[in-house]
Amino acid sequence: MFDFDSFPFELSGKTVDYICPKCKYKFVAPIEAVLEFEEEDEWNGLPISTPPYTICSKCNYEKCVPMDYKSKRGYHHIYKEERGKTRVLTKTRRRLQTASIE
């Protein structure tokens, strides 16, 4: 689990809203941490269109997602709940991808 209070360098004050799709817990993460998550996901072989995940501090679910975040690579991730299904919409200038969260 990521400890936002002991981040190793000065924070800008910018934050990203996150949600746990499992327990619906909402929290904010410093933008610097989110950029680190993006980099780690890339190192772990996830597609660059994947939203930067973190672990829920309430239920330990491993795929908390940003509610509305524009990545440094140009992807716009938007969390949605529609008809009982949880999805993350990923937009680029050319296309829209939808991924269900389980």
Protein backbone atom coordinates (compact mmCIF):
# COMPACT_ATOMS: atom_id res chain seq x y z
CA MET A 1 0.00 0.00 0.00
CA PHE A 2 1.31 3.48 -0.84
CA ASP A 3 1.97 5.83 2.09
CA PHE A 4 1.04 9.28 0.77
CA ASP A 5 2.21 11.01 3.97
CA SER A 6 5.83 9.92 3.57
CA PHE A 7 6.40 10.73 -0.10
CA PRO A 8 10.17 11.22 -0.64
CA PHE A 9 10.08 14.75 -2.08
CA GLU A 10 8.11 17.98 -1.86
CA LEU A 11 4.57 17.79 -3.21
CA SER A 12 2.99 20.39 -5.50
CA GLY A 13 -0.43 20.28 -3.83
CA LYS A 14 -2.12 18.94 -6.99
CA THR A 15 -4.21 15.85 -6.38
CA VAL A 16 -6.19 13.18 -8.26
CA ASP A 17 -9.48 11.77 -6.95
CA TYR A 18 -9.52 7.97 -6.67
CA ILE A 19 -12.24 5.41 -5.96
CA CYS A 20 -12.21 1.76 -4.97
CA PRO A 21 -14.61 -0.07 -7.32
CA LYS A 22 -15.11 -2.79 -4.70
CA CYS A 23 -15.99 -0.86 -1.50
CA LYS A 24 -16.60 2.59 -3.09
CA TYR A 25 -14.09 4.30 -0.75
CA LYS A 26 -13.00 7.66 -2.22
CA PHE A 27 -9.66 9.32 -1.53
CA VAL A 28 -7.18 11.75 -3.05
CA ALA A 29 -3.64 10.99 -4.16
CA PRO A 30 -0.88 13.53 -4.84
CA ILE A 31 -0.22 13.96 -8.56
CA GLU A 32 3.42 13.02 -7.95
CA ALA A 33 2.31 9.63 -6.59
CA VAL A 34 -0.05 9.09 -9.54
CA LEU A 35 2.80 9.76 -11.96
CA GLU A 36 4.85 7.15 -10.05
CA PHE A 37 1.95 4.66 -10.34
CA GLU A 38 1.87 5.27 -14.11
CA GLU A 39 5.60 4.62 -14.38
CA GLU A 40 5.41 1.45 -12.24
CA ASP A 41 2.51 0.10 -14.31
CA GLU A 42 4.58 0.60 -17.46
CA TRP A 43 7.57 -1.19 -15.89
CA ASN A 44 5.25 -4.06 -14.91
CA GLY A 45 4.17 -4.49 -18.51
CA LEU A 46 0.66 -3.03 -18.36
CA PRO A 47 -0.54 -1.28 -21.52
CA ILE A 48 0.03 2.48 -21.44
CA SER A 49 -3.74 2.95 -21.86
CA THR A 50 -4.31 1.35 -18.41
CA PRO A 51 -5.28 3.85 -15.70
CA PRO A 52 -2.73 4.14 -12.87
CA TYR A 53 -3.90 1.74 -10.15
CA THR A 54 -3.30 1.84 -6.40
CA ILE A 55 -4.38 -0.34 -3.46
CA CYS A 56 -7.41 0.54 -1.32
CA SER A 57 -6.49 1.37 2.27
CA LYS A 58 -9.93 0.19 3.49
CA CYS A 59 -10.44 -3.21 1.81
CA ASN A 60 -7.00 -3.86 0.18
CA TYR A 61 -8.51 -4.19 -3.30
CA GLU A 62 -5.63 -3.82 -5.77
CA LYS A 63 -7.29 -1.81 -8.53
CA CYS A 64 -8.45 1.56 -7.23
CA VAL A 65 -8.78 3.86 -10.21
CA PRO A 66 -8.74 7.61 -10.81
CA MET A 67 -12.21 9.11 -11.16
CA ASP A 68 -11.15 11.60 -13.84
CA TYR A 69 -7.50 11.77 -14.87
CA LYS A 70 -5.55 12.82 -17.96
CA SER A 71 -2.34 10.82 -18.15
CA LYS A 72 1.01 12.19 -19.24
CA ARG A 73 0.68 10.06 -22.39
CA GLY A 74 -2.57 11.71 -23.50
CA TYR A 75 -5.14 9.21 -22.22
CA HIS A 76 -8.20 10.51 -20.37
CA HIS A 77 -9.51 7.97 -17.82
CA ILE A 78 -13.06 8.45 -16.52
CA TYR A 79 -14.66 6.20 -13.88
CA LYS A 80 -18.34 5.38 -14.55
CA GLU A 81 -21.04 3.28 -12.98
CA GLU A 82 -23.85 2.35 -15.36
CA ARG A 83 -26.66 -0.15 -14.75
CA GLY A 84 -24.79 -1.87 -11.94
CA LYS A 85 -21.53 -2.21 -13.88
CA THR A 86 -18.34 -0.40 -13.06
CA ARG A 87 -16.23 0.81 -15.98
CA VAL A 88 -13.30 3.01 -16.77
CA LEU A 89 -13.62 4.88 -20.05
CA THR A 90 -10.28 5.67 -21.65
CA LYS A 91 -10.37 8.36 -24.30
CA THR A 92 -7.76 9.49 -26.75
CA ARG A 93 -8.20 11.98 -29.54
CA ARG A 94 -8.92 9.16 -31.95
CA ARG A 95 -10.91 6.58 -30.02
CA LEU A 96 -12.75 5.54 -26.87
CA GLN A 97 -12.00 2.30 -25.00
CA THR A 98 -14.17 0.82 -22.26
CA ALA A 99 -12.88 -1.62 -19.68
CA SER A 100 -14.99 -3.33 -17.05
CA ILE A 101 -13.58 -3.54 -13.56
CA GLU A 102 -14.11 -6.76 -11.67
